[in-house]
C-alpha cells in the first residue's frame, strides 16, 4: 500500500483529491478503478461523483447507459491544485514531525556511545535516518553500511550507501546494528539471533 494512503485514506478531502486527480488524468476511468484508488466500495463512488458534479468540478457525459465519461471542469482543475497544496502541506508536516523524532532518537543512541552503525532494513526508515543525518551535520553518527534480507534490495544503494546481505555485518567494523524497520523488526531480531549477533549491540527504534 502507498505510504501516503496509510495516513490520509480516511480523510474525505484526501479522497476528493484522489478522485479529481484520477478523473483529470483519465476521463474514461471506470468506477471500479476509482473504488480501488479511493479504497472504498464501488457502491460509494456514485455518491462521490454526484457530489463533485453538484459542486461543478466534473461533468458526466453519457456515451451509453453504461458508458460514462467524466470531464473535469476548470473549477475542478483549480480545486485539484488547491487540494494538492494542502496535501503537500500535510505530508510535509508529517515528514518534519518524523524527522524531529528521529533526531531525538539519534541523539539518544549517540549518548549511549554508538558512533558507527549498520542499518538493518533498506526501506523508508533507513531513508529518513540518512536524510536526517544529511540535514543535521551536528549529529555525529556514521552509517557504515545497510543490510537487508530482500534479494532485490541487495547490491543496490540508499543515498550512496551499499545494501548487502546481513551476513556481511561481521565484515564491517562497527559498534551497533540499528533495526530500521517496523513491520519486520521481529524477523530482523530473530535473524540477528541466528547469526549469533551480540544482543547488546542491537539498537531498537521501535519498542513494544
C-alpha atoms as a PDB file:
ATOM      1  CA  UNK A   1       0.000   0.000   0.000  1.00  0.00           C
ATOM      2  CA  UNK A   2       1.130   3.550  -0.740  1.00  0.00           C
ATOM      3  CA  UNK A   3       2.560   5.024   2.478  1.00  0.00           C
ATOM      4  CA  UNK A   4       0.661   8.277   1.981  1.00  0.00           C
ATOM      5  CA  UNK A   5      -2.660   6.435   1.925  1.00  0.00           C
ATOM      6  CA  UNK A   6      -1.888   4.942   5.337  1.00  0.00           C
ATOM      7  CA  UNK A   7      -2.169   8.441   6.791  1.00  0.00           C
ATOM      8  CA  UNK A   8      -4.753  10.055   4.531  1.00  0.00           C
ATOM      9  CA  UNK A   9      -7.127   7.326   3.355  1.00  0.00           C
ATOM     10  CA  UNK A  10      -9.790   8.151   5.984  1.00  0.00           C
ATOM     11  CA  UNK A  11      -9.780  11.873   5.180  1.00  0.00           C
ATOM     12  CA  UNK A  12     -12.745  12.909   2.966  1.00  0.00           C
ATOM     13  CA  UNK A  13     -10.761  15.803   1.488  1.00  0.00           C
ATOM     14  CA  UNK A  14      -7.936  13.443   0.544  1.00  0.00           C
ATOM     15  CA  UNK A  15     -10.410  11.110  -1.157  1.00  0.00           C
ATOM     16  CA  UNK A  16     -11.784  14.068  -3.085  1.00  0.00           C
ATOM     17  CA  UNK A  17      -8.255  14.924  -4.166  1.00  0.00           C
ATOM     18  CA  UNK A  18      -7.615  11.338  -5.321  1.00  0.00           C
ATOM     19  CA  UNK A  19     -10.873  11.239  -7.269  1.00  0.00           C
ATOM     20  CA  UNK A  20     -10.438  14.563  -9.059  1.00  0.00           C
ATOM     21  CA  UNK A  21      -6.790  13.824  -9.817  1.00  0.00           C
ATOM     22  CA  UNK A  22      -7.741  10.433 -11.295  1.00  0.00           C
ATOM     23  CA  UNK A  23     -10.515  11.952 -13.419  1.00  0.00           C
ATOM     24  CA  UNK A  24      -8.187  14.716 -14.607  1.00  0.00           C
ATOM     25  CA  UNK A  25      -5.672  12.115 -15.762  1.00  0.00           C
ATOM     26  CA  UNK A  26      -8.214   9.791 -17.354  1.00  0.00           C
ATOM     27  CA  UNK A  27     -11.737  10.925 -18.233  1.00  0.00           C
ATOM     28  CA  UNK A  28     -12.649   7.347 -19.200  1.00  0.00           C
ATOM     29  CA  UNK A  29     -11.739   5.900 -15.825  1.00  0.00           C
ATOM     30  CA  UNK A  30     -14.219   3.336 -14.506  1.00  0.00           C
ATOM     31  CA  UNK A  31     -15.992   3.401 -11.185  1.00  0.00           C
ATOM     32  CA  UNK A  32     -14.265   0.168 -10.242  1.00  0.00           C
ATOM     33  CA  UNK A  33     -10.868   1.778 -10.833  1.00  0.00           C
ATOM     34  CA  UNK A  34     -11.929   4.771  -8.763  1.00  0.00           C
ATOM     35  CA  UNK A  35     -13.063   2.499  -5.930  1.00  0.00           C
ATOM     36  CA  UNK A  36      -9.623   0.909  -5.878  1.00  0.00           C
ATOM     37  CA  UNK A  37      -7.845   4.278  -5.858  1.00  0.00           C
ATOM     38  CA  UNK A  38     -10.060   5.693  -3.096  1.00  0.00           C
ATOM     39  CA  UNK A  39     -10.131   2.379  -1.215  1.00  0.00           C
ATOM     40  CA  UNK A  40     -13.932   2.462  -0.891  1.00  0.00           C
ATOM     41  CA  UNK A  41     -16.760   0.241  -2.119  1.00  0.00           C
ATOM     42  CA  UNK A  42     -17.836   0.643  -5.739  1.00  0.00           C
ATOM     43  CA  UNK A  43     -21.320   1.473  -4.490  1.00  0.00           C
ATOM     44  CA  UNK A  44     -19.936   4.623  -2.841  1.00  0.00           C
ATOM     45  CA  UNK A  45     -18.324   6.030  -5.984  1.00  0.00           C
ATOM     46  CA  UNK A  46     -21.581   7.321  -7.465  1.00  0.00           C
ATOM     47  CA  UNK A  47     -22.118   9.349  -4.313  1.00  0.00           C
ATOM     48  CA  UNK A  48     -18.650  10.882  -4.608  1.00  0.00           C
ATOM     49  CA  UNK A  49     -19.105  11.628  -8.297  1.00  0.00           C
ATOM     50  CA  UNK A  50     -22.556  13.162  -7.780  1.00  0.00           C
ATOM     51  CA  UNK A  51     -21.119  15.463  -5.123  1.00  0.00           C
ATOM     52  CA  UNK A  52     -18.276  16.612  -7.373  1.00  0.00           C
ATOM     53  CA  UNK A  53     -20.729  17.186 -10.234  1.00  0.00           C
ATOM     54  CA  UNK A  54     -23.012  19.199  -7.951  1.00  0.00           C
ATOM     55  CA  UNK A  55     -20.022  21.318  -6.883  1.00  0.00           C
ATOM     56  CA  UNK A  56     -19.233  21.993 -10.531  1.00  0.00           C
ATOM     57  CA  UNK A  57     -15.908  20.146 -10.512  1.00  0.00           C
ATOM     58  CA  UNK A  58     -16.818  17.470 -13.067  1.00  0.00           C
ATOM     59  CA  UNK A  59     -19.342  16.895 -15.838  1.00  0.00           C
ATOM     60  CA  UNK A  60     -20.742  13.487 -16.718  1.00  0.00           C
ATOM     61  CA  UNK A  61     -21.050  12.681 -20.405  1.00  0.00           C
ATOM     62  CA  UNK A  62     -23.140   9.579 -21.104  1.00  0.00           C
ATOM     63  CA  UNK A  63     -21.923   7.670 -24.160  1.00  0.00           C
ATOM     64  CA  UNK A  64     -24.449   4.937 -23.369  1.00  0.00           C
ATOM     65  CA  UNK A  65     -26.382   3.723 -20.333  1.00  0.00           C
ATOM     66  CA  UNK A  66     -23.241   2.030 -19.041  1.00  0.00           C
ATOM     67  CA  UNK A  67     -20.510   4.110 -20.640  1.00  0.00           C
ATOM     68  CA  UNK A  68     -19.886   7.393 -18.824  1.00  0.00           C
ATOM     69  CA  UNK A  69     -17.061   9.866 -19.362  1.00  0.00           C
ATOM     70  CA  UNK A  70     -16.103  12.167 -16.504  1.00  0.00           C
ATOM     71  CA  UNK A  71     -14.859  15.548 -17.698  1.00  0.00           C
ATOM     72  CA  UNK A  72     -13.086  17.727 -15.167  1.00  0.00           C
ATOM     73  CA  UNK A  73     -14.076  21.408 -15.338  1.00  0.00           C
ATOM     74  CA  UNK A  74     -11.877  24.478 -14.983  1.00  0.00           C
ATOM     75  CA  UNK A  75     -13.171  24.799 -11.427  1.00  0.00           C
ATOM     76  CA  UNK A  76     -12.250  21.159 -10.894  1.00  0.00           C
ATOM     77  CA  UNK A  77      -8.685  21.774 -12.059  1.00  0.00           C
ATOM     78  CA  UNK A  78      -8.383  24.718  -9.685  1.00  0.00           C
ATOM     79  CA  UNK A  79      -9.738  22.519  -6.908  1.00  0.00           C
ATOM     80  CA  UNK A  80      -7.102  19.851  -7.669  1.00  0.00           C
ATOM     81  CA  UNK A  81      -4.327  22.446  -7.424  1.00  0.00           C
ATOM     82  CA  UNK A  82      -5.652  23.707  -4.100  1.00  0.00           C
ATOM     83  CA  UNK A  83      -6.020  20.202  -2.678  1.00  0.00           C
ATOM     84  CA  UNK A  84      -2.547  19.307  -3.934  1.00  0.00           C
ATOM     85  CA  UNK A  85      -1.065  22.221  -1.994  1.00  0.00           C
ATOM     86  CA  UNK A  86      -2.982  21.196   1.130  1.00  0.00           C
ATOM     87  CA  UNK A  87      -1.878  17.593   0.694  1.00  0.00           C
ATOM     88  CA  UNK A  88       1.777  18.572   0.329  1.00  0.00           C
ATOM     89  CA  UNK A  89       1.494  20.791   3.397  1.00  0.00           C
ATOM     90  CA  UNK A  90       0.076  17.901   5.445  1.00  0.00           C
ATOM     91  CA  UNK A  91       2.658  15.450   4.116  1.00  0.00           C
ATOM     92  CA  UNK A  92       5.459  17.903   4.917  1.00  0.00           C
ATOM     93  CA  UNK A  93       4.161  18.326   8.472  1.00  0.00           C
ATOM     94  CA  UNK A  94       4.207  14.554   8.977  1.00  0.00           C
ATOM     95  CA  UNK A  95       7.674  14.308   7.450  1.00  0.00           C
ATOM     96  CA  UNK A  96       9.042  17.090   9.675  1.00  0.00           C
ATOM     97  CA  UNK A  97       7.496  15.524  12.775  1.00  0.00           C
ATOM     98  CA  UNK A  98       9.070  12.172  11.894  1.00  0.00           C
ATOM     99  CA  UNK A  99      12.446  13.827  11.306  1.00  0.00           C
ATOM    100  CA  UNK A 100      12.217  15.531  14.693  1.00  0.00           C
ATOM    101  CA  UNK A 101      11.523  12.192  16.384  1.00  0.00           C
ATOM    102  CA  UNK A 102      14.413  10.582  14.521  1.00  0.00           C
ATOM    103  CA  UNK A 103      16.739  13.424  15.553  1.00  0.00           C
ATOM    104  CA  UNK A 104      15.901  12.903  19.227  1.00  0.00           C
ATOM    105  CA  UNK A 105      16.418   9.169  18.814  1.00  0.00           C
ATOM    106  CA  UNK A 106      19.786   9.585  17.075  1.00  0.00           C
ATOM    107  CA  UNK A 107      20.956  11.914  19.832  1.00  0.00           C
ATOM    108  CA  UNK A 108      19.958   9.314  22.428  1.00  0.00           C
ATOM    109  CA  UNK A 109      21.955   6.492  20.843  1.00  0.00           C
ATOM    110  CA  UNK A 110      24.978   8.746  20.375  1.00  0.00           C
ATOM    111  CA  UNK A 111      24.785   9.495  24.099  1.00  0.00           C
ATOM    112  CA  UNK A 112      24.849   5.729  24.702  1.00  0.00           C
ATOM    113  CA  UNK A 113      28.181   5.508  22.904  1.00  0.00           C
ATOM    114  CA  UNK A 114      27.156   4.382  19.445  1.00  0.00           C
ATOM    115  CA  UNK A 115      29.167   6.169  16.759  1.00  0.00           C
ATOM    116  CA  UNK A 116      29.479   3.781  13.819  1.00  0.00           C
ATOM    117  CA  UNK A 117      26.420   1.722  12.976  1.00  0.00           C
ATOM    118  CA  UNK A 118      24.854  -0.521  10.359  1.00  0.00           C
ATOM    119  CA  UNK A 119      21.217  -0.186   9.361  1.00  0.00           C
ATOM    120  CA  UNK A 120      19.272  -3.441   9.051  1.00  0.00           C
ATOM    121  CA  UNK A 121      16.468  -2.719   6.591  1.00  0.00           C
ATOM    122  CA  UNK A 122      16.711  -0.667   3.387  1.00  0.00           C
ATOM    123  CA  UNK A 123      13.229   0.847   3.457  1.00  0.00           C
ATOM    124  CA  UNK A 124      11.614   4.156   4.368  1.00  0.00           C
ATOM    125  CA  UNK A 125      13.030   4.223   7.902  1.00  0.00           C
ATOM    126  CA  UNK A 126      16.609   3.983   6.660  1.00  0.00           C
ATOM    127  CA  UNK A 127      15.947   6.743   4.155  1.00  0.00           C
ATOM    128  CA  UNK A 128      14.613   9.190   6.733  1.00  0.00           C
ATOM    129  CA  UNK A 129      17.501   8.369   9.094  1.00  0.00           C
ATOM    130  CA  UNK A 130      20.010   9.138   6.343  1.00  0.00           C
ATOM    131  CA  UNK A 131      18.076  12.262   5.328  1.00  0.00           C
ATOM    132  CA  UNK A 132      18.152  13.455   8.933  1.00  0.00           C
ATOM    133  CA  UNK A 133      21.890  12.888   9.223  1.00  0.00           C
ATOM    134  CA  UNK A 134      22.419  14.750   5.953  1.00  0.00           C
ATOM    135  CA  UNK A 135      20.164  17.592   7.081  1.00  0.00           C
ATOM    136  CA  UNK A 136      21.745  17.987  10.532  1.00  0.00           C
ATOM    137  CA  UNK A 137      25.512  17.610  10.307  1.00  0.00           C
ATOM    138  CA  UNK A 138      25.801  18.169  14.065  1.00  0.00           C
ATOM    139  CA  UNK A 139      24.684  14.580  14.576  1.00  0.00           C
ATOM    140  CA  UNK A 140      27.928  12.633  14.719  1.00  0.00           C
ATOM    141  CA  UNK A 141      26.636   9.222  13.777  1.00  0.00           C
ATOM    142  CA  UNK A 142      28.228   7.286  10.944  1.00  0.00           C
ATOM    143  CA  UNK A 143      26.219   4.779   8.910  1.00  0.00           C
ATOM    144  CA  UNK A 144      28.837   2.395   7.557  1.00  0.00           C
ATOM    145  CA  UNK A 145      26.507   0.070   5.716  1.00  0.00           C
ATOM    146  CA  UNK A 146      22.982  -1.179   5.157  1.00  0.00           C
ATOM    147  CA  UNK A 147      21.891  -4.805   5.126  1.00  0.00           C
ATOM    148  CA  UNK A 148      18.587  -6.281   4.018  1.00  0.00           C
ATOM    149  CA  UNK A 149      17.143  -9.765   3.607  1.00  0.00           C
ATOM    150  CA  UNK A 150      15.339  -8.909   0.356  1.00  0.00           C
ATOM    151  CA  UNK A 151      17.387 -10.069  -2.600  1.00  0.00           C
ATOM    152  CA  UNK A 152      16.030  -7.301  -4.845  1.00  0.00           C
ATOM    153  CA  UNK A 153      17.433  -4.678  -2.468  1.00  0.00           C
ATOM    154  CA  UNK A 154      20.874  -6.233  -2.149  1.00  0.00           C
ATOM    155  CA  UNK A 155      23.548  -4.799  -4.439  1.00  0.00           C
ATOM    156  CA  UNK A 156      21.668  -1.503  -4.624  1.00  0.00           C
ATOM    157  CA  UNK A 157      22.376   1.765  -2.814  1.00  0.00           C
ATOM    158  CA  UNK A 158      20.486   4.059  -0.482  1.00  0.00           C
ATOM    159  CA  UNK A 159      21.977   7.548  -0.509  1.00  0.00           C
ATOM    160  CA  UNK A 160      25.230   6.127  -1.914  1.00  0.00           C
ATOM    161  CA  UNK A 161      25.484   3.524   0.841  1.00  0.00           C
ATOM    162  CA  UNK A 162      25.643  -0.071  -0.486  1.00  0.00           C
ATOM    163  CA  UNK A 163      22.954  -2.536   0.570  1.00  0.00           C
ATOM    164  CA  UNK A 164      24.309  -6.042   1.154  1.00  0.00           C
ATOM    165  CA  UNK A 165      23.446  -9.392   2.705  1.00  0.00           C
ATOM    166  CA  UNK A 166      23.052  -9.387   6.522  1.00  0.00           C
ATOM    167  CA  UNK A 167      25.939 -11.859   6.871  1.00  0.00           C
ATOM    168  CA  UNK A 168      28.260  -9.008   5.862  1.00  0.00           C
ATOM    169  CA  UNK A 169      27.791  -7.208   9.186  1.00  0.00           C
ATOM    170  CA  UNK A 170      30.758  -9.143  10.536  1.00  0.00           C
ATOM    171  CA  UNK A 171      32.959  -7.730   7.773  1.00  0.00           C
ATOM    172  CA  UNK A 172      32.306  -4.134   8.814  1.00  0.00           C
ATOM    173  CA  UNK A 173      33.975  -2.547  11.833  1.00  0.00           C
ATOM    174  CA  UNK A 174      31.006  -1.102  13.720  1.00  0.00           C
ATOM    175  CA  UNK A 175      29.614  -0.780  17.215  1.00  0.00           C
ATOM    176  CA  UNK A 176      25.892  -1.423  16.661  1.00  0.00           C
ATOM    177  CA  UNK A 177      23.136  -2.544  14.307  1.00  0.00           C
ATOM    178  CA  UNK A 178      20.025  -0.402  14.135  1.00  0.00           C
ATOM    179  CA  UNK A 179      16.819  -2.272  13.336  1.00  0.00           C
ATOM    180  CA  UNK A 180      15.444   0.168  10.757  1.00  0.00           C
ATOM    181  CA  UNK A 181      12.089  -1.461  10.104  1.00  0.00           C
ATOM    182  CA  UNK A 182       8.806  -1.519  11.966  1.00  0.00           C
ATOM    183  CA  UNK A 183       6.929  -4.246  10.099  1.00  0.00           C
ATOM    184  CA  UNK A 184       9.871  -6.652  10.076  1.00  0.00           C
ATOM    185  CA  UNK A 185      11.592  -5.845  13.355  1.00  0.00           C
ATOM    186  CA  UNK A 186      10.812  -9.225  14.956  1.00  0.00           C
ATOM    187  CA  UNK A 187      12.092 -11.074  11.881  1.00  0.00           C
ATOM    188  CA  UNK A 188      15.246  -8.963  11.850  1.00  0.00           C
ATOM    189  CA  UNK A 189      15.938  -9.603  15.525  1.00  0.00           C
ATOM    190  CA  UNK A 190      15.391 -13.334  15.001  1.00  0.00           C
ATOM    191  CA  UNK A 191      17.828 -13.252  12.079  1.00  0.00           C
ATOM    192  CA  UNK A 192      20.417 -11.459  14.194  1.00  0.00           C
ATOM    193  CA  UNK A 193      19.933 -14.082  16.876  1.00  0.00           C
ATOM    194  CA  UNK A 194      20.541 -16.843  14.295  1.00  0.00           C
ATOM    195  CA  UNK A 195      23.735 -15.036  13.293  1.00  0.00           C
ATOM    196  CA  UNK A 196      24.699 -15.059  16.987  1.00  0.00           C
ATOM    197  CA  UNK A 197      24.972 -11.298  16.932  1.00  0.00           C
ATOM    198  CA  UNK A 198      25.645  -9.582  20.271  1.00  0.00           C
ATOM    199  CA  UNK A 199      22.229  -8.510  21.636  1.00  0.00           C
ATOM    200  CA  UNK A 200      23.849  -5.606  23.488  1.00  0.00           C
ATOM    201  CA  UNK A 201      24.754  -4.080  20.124  1.00  0.00           C
ATOM    202  CA  UNK A 202      21.211  -4.193  18.726  1.00  0.00           C
ATOM    203  CA  UNK A 203      19.606  -0.738  18.596  1.00  0.00           C
ATOM    204  CA  UNK A 204      15.809  -0.674  18.600  1.00  0.00           C
ATOM    205  CA  UNK A 205      13.985   2.306  17.118  1.00  0.00           C
ATOM    206  CA  UNK A 206      10.542   0.769  17.631  1.00  0.00           C
ATOM    207  CA  UNK A 207       9.880  -0.676  21.057  1.00  0.00           C
ATOM    208  CA  UNK A 208       6.939  -2.773  22.212  1.00  0.00           C
END
